[in-house]
Amino acid sequence: MDAFEAISKRRSVRKYRPGEVTRQQLSQIVNLGRLAPTGRNEQPWEFVVITDRTRLRQLARLADYGKFIADASACIVVLCRPTKYHLEDGSAATTQMLIAATALGLGSCWVAGDKKDYAAQVVSLCGAPAHYKLVSLVAVGHAAEIPAPAKRPLDEVLHWETFGAAK
């Protein structure tokens, strides 16, 4: 699958069917995340891949909008050192991992971490130093269903030269 197709097909999958996601696939996904652009080339990220069922359920209980993590095959926890652009950098890595999962024929979903009450608990659960920032939780697995949410059409969001100009 080429990049255009993977980006076009990426959806937030919240229902997973049983099935293994291999270490090789998870490593490929994280590898593409670590290649994301980063402010000042800081590369402040660390990625903790969780596949243990008990730990996945713990993450699901913590994440108020991530209960489906319990049914995913894995969750990639995106952590960053507190740098000036850690949120942007971690978000870029997260986006690339979502696209990589799609390219591998897997479903995935981004669950917010930054500014969440549970962030410190997730950092602790991962065994990371307390000063690390939780950027996101990325559920990965075999999609039980692929949603088809309506997206705003291009001519509604694209502006040439000035905002609100004739399209």
Protein backbone atom coordinates (compact mmCIF):
# COMPACT_ATOMS: atom_id res chain seq x y z
CA MET A 1 0.00 0.00 0.00
CA ASP A 2 1.48 3.37 -0.92
CA ALA A 3 1.48 6.42 1.35
CA PHE A 4 -1.50 8.10 -0.33
CA GLU A 5 -3.63 4.99 0.06
CA ALA A 6 -2.59 4.41 3.69
CA ILE A 7 -3.37 8.02 4.61
CA SER A 8 -6.74 7.85 2.80
CA LYS A 9 -7.74 4.55 4.46
CA ARG A 10 -6.65 5.38 8.02
CA ARG A 11 -9.58 5.32 10.43
CA SER A 12 -9.94 5.32 14.21
CA VAL A 13 -10.72 1.69 14.95
CA ARG A 14 -12.35 1.06 18.33
CA LYS A 15 -13.48 -2.55 17.86
CA TYR A 16 -10.94 -5.33 17.54
CA ARG A 17 -11.13 -9.03 16.83
CA PRO A 18 -8.74 -11.56 18.30
CA GLY A 19 -5.48 -12.05 16.49
CA GLU A 20 -1.81 -11.55 17.06
CA VAL A 21 0.07 -8.49 15.97
CA THR A 22 3.67 -9.63 15.70
CA ARG A 23 6.70 -8.05 17.34
CA GLN A 24 8.00 -7.41 13.85
CA GLN A 25 4.86 -5.48 12.89
CA LEU A 26 4.93 -3.50 16.14
CA SER A 27 8.62 -2.75 15.64
CA GLN A 28 7.89 -1.54 12.09
CA ILE A 29 5.15 0.73 13.38
CA VAL A 30 7.34 2.22 16.12
CA ASN A 31 10.27 2.57 13.72
CA LEU A 32 8.17 4.74 11.42
CA GLY A 33 7.03 6.77 14.42
CA ARG A 34 10.62 7.46 15.46
CA LEU A 35 11.34 8.76 11.95
CA ALA A 36 8.78 11.57 12.33
CA PRO A 37 9.89 15.19 12.08
CA THR A 38 10.77 16.86 15.34
CA GLY A 39 11.47 20.44 16.40
CA ARG A 40 15.22 21.12 16.55
CA ASN A 41 15.74 17.38 15.96
CA GLU A 42 15.21 16.81 19.69
CA GLN A 43 13.63 13.36 19.21
CA PRO A 44 12.28 13.47 22.77
CA TRP A 45 10.22 10.32 22.44
CA GLU A 46 10.23 6.88 23.99
CA PHE A 47 7.76 4.17 22.99
CA VAL A 48 6.54 1.45 25.34
CA VAL A 49 4.74 -1.41 23.59
CA ILE A 50 2.31 -3.26 25.82
CA THR A 51 0.86 -6.62 24.74
CA ASP A 52 0.18 -8.23 28.11
CA ARG A 53 -3.60 -8.65 28.55
CA THR A 54 -3.56 -7.62 32.22
CA ARG A 55 -1.62 -4.44 31.47
CA LEU A 56 -3.85 -3.63 28.49
CA ARG A 57 -6.88 -3.87 30.78
CA GLN A 58 -5.13 -1.58 33.29
CA LEU A 59 -4.53 1.02 30.58
CA ALA A 60 -8.15 0.70 29.42
CA ARG A 61 -9.41 1.33 32.96
CA LEU A 62 -7.25 4.46 33.26
CA ALA A 63 -8.07 6.02 29.88
CA ASP A 64 -11.54 7.56 30.05
CA TYR A 65 -12.02 7.36 26.25
CA GLY A 66 -9.87 4.29 25.66
CA LYS A 67 -11.85 1.40 27.11
CA PHE A 68 -11.36 -0.49 23.82
CA ILE A 69 -7.61 -0.78 24.54
CA ALA A 70 -8.53 -3.88 26.57
CA ASP A 71 -9.58 -5.63 23.33
CA ALA A 72 -6.64 -4.48 21.17
CA SER A 73 -3.66 -6.75 20.54
CA ALA A 74 -1.25 -4.04 21.67
CA CYS A 75 -0.97 -0.49 22.88
CA ILE A 76 1.95 1.77 22.06
CA VAL A 77 2.47 4.33 24.80
CA VAL A 78 4.08 7.49 23.42
CA LEU A 79 6.12 9.31 26.04
CA CYS A 80 8.32 12.38 25.63
CA ARG A 81 10.89 14.21 27.65
CA PRO A 82 9.52 17.65 28.55
CA THR A 83 11.01 19.69 25.71
CA LYS A 84 9.64 22.87 24.19
CA TYR A 85 7.89 20.98 21.37
CA HIS A 86 7.29 17.59 23.00
CA LEU A 87 3.56 17.62 22.24
CA GLU A 88 4.06 18.44 18.56
CA ASP A 89 6.89 15.93 18.24
CA GLY A 90 4.99 13.12 19.97
CA SER A 91 1.89 13.90 17.92
CA ALA A 92 3.85 13.68 14.67
CA ALA A 93 5.23 10.30 15.75
CA THR A 94 1.74 9.14 16.72
CA THR A 95 0.31 10.13 13.34
CA GLN A 96 3.03 8.27 11.47
CA MET A 97 2.39 5.16 13.55
CA LEU A 98 -1.34 5.27 12.79
CA ILE A 99 -0.57 5.41 9.07
CA ALA A 100 2.02 2.63 9.39
CA ALA A 101 -0.54 0.38 11.11
CA THR A 102 -2.99 1.00 8.27
CA ALA A 103 -0.30 0.20 5.68
CA LEU A 104 0.21 -3.15 7.45
CA GLY A 105 -3.52 -3.92 7.25
CA LEU A 106 -4.09 -3.27 10.97
CA GLY A 107 -6.55 -1.08 12.81
CA SER A 108 -5.45 1.56 15.28
CA CYS A 109 -6.78 4.43 17.35
CA TRP A 110 -5.17 7.43 19.03
CA VAL A 111 -6.18 8.00 22.64
CA ALA A 112 -5.19 11.35 24.10
CA GLY A 113 -2.70 11.45 26.93
CA ASP A 114 -1.47 15.01 27.26
CA LYS A 115 -3.27 16.99 29.97
CA LYS A 116 -5.27 13.92 31.08
CA ASP A 117 -5.72 13.19 34.78
CA TYR A 118 -4.46 9.65 34.23
CA ALA A 119 -1.18 10.68 32.53
CA ALA A 120 1.02 10.25 35.62
CA GLN A 121 -0.49 6.83 36.33
CA VAL A 122 0.27 5.66 32.79
CA VAL A 123 3.85 6.95 33.03
CA SER A 124 4.21 5.02 36.29
CA LEU A 125 2.60 1.87 34.85
CA CYS A 126 5.20 1.95 32.07
CA GLY A 127 8.05 2.28 34.54
CA ALA A 128 9.18 5.53 32.95
CA PRO A 129 10.75 8.40 34.91
CA ALA A 130 8.05 10.60 36.46
CA HIS A 131 9.08 13.71 34.52
CA TYR A 132 8.16 12.13 31.15
CA LYS A 133 5.00 13.42 29.46
CA LEU A 134 2.32 11.10 28.13
CA VAL A 135 1.44 12.21 24.61
CA SER A 136 -0.77 9.36 23.45
CA LEU A 137 -1.86 5.77 23.69
CA VAL A 138 -2.09 3.99 20.34
CA ALA A 139 -4.29 0.90 20.31
CA VAL A 140 -3.29 -1.56 17.58
CA GLY A 141 -5.02 -4.74 16.45
CA HIS A 142 -7.09 -6.48 13.84
CA ALA A 143 -10.16 -4.38 13.08
CA ALA A 144 -13.52 -5.95 13.83
CA GLU A 145 -15.10 -3.08 11.95
CA ILE A 146 -13.81 -0.08 10.07
CA PRO A 147 -15.83 3.06 10.64
CA ALA A 148 -16.61 5.43 7.79
CA PRO A 149 -17.03 8.84 9.40
CA ALA A 150 -18.06 11.74 7.23
CA LYS A 151 -15.17 14.05 6.45
CA ARG A 152 -15.58 17.66 5.46
CA PRO A 153 -15.13 18.09 1.72
CA LEU A 154 -11.94 19.68 0.42
CA ASP A 155 -13.74 22.68 -1.07
CA GLU A 156 -15.06 23.53 2.42
CA VAL A 157 -11.66 23.61 4.07
CA LEU A 158 -9.25 24.75 1.34
CA HIS A 159 -8.68 28.50 1.00
CA TRP A 160 -6.45 30.10 -1.63
CA GLU A 161 -4.44 33.18 -0.70
CA THR A 162 -6.77 34.36 2.13
CA PHE A 163 -9.18 32.71 4.52
CA GLY A 164 -12.73 32.79 3.14
CA ALA A 165 -11.65 33.72 -0.38
CA ALA A 166 -13.69 32.44 -3.30
CA LYS A 167 -12.79 28.86 -3.95
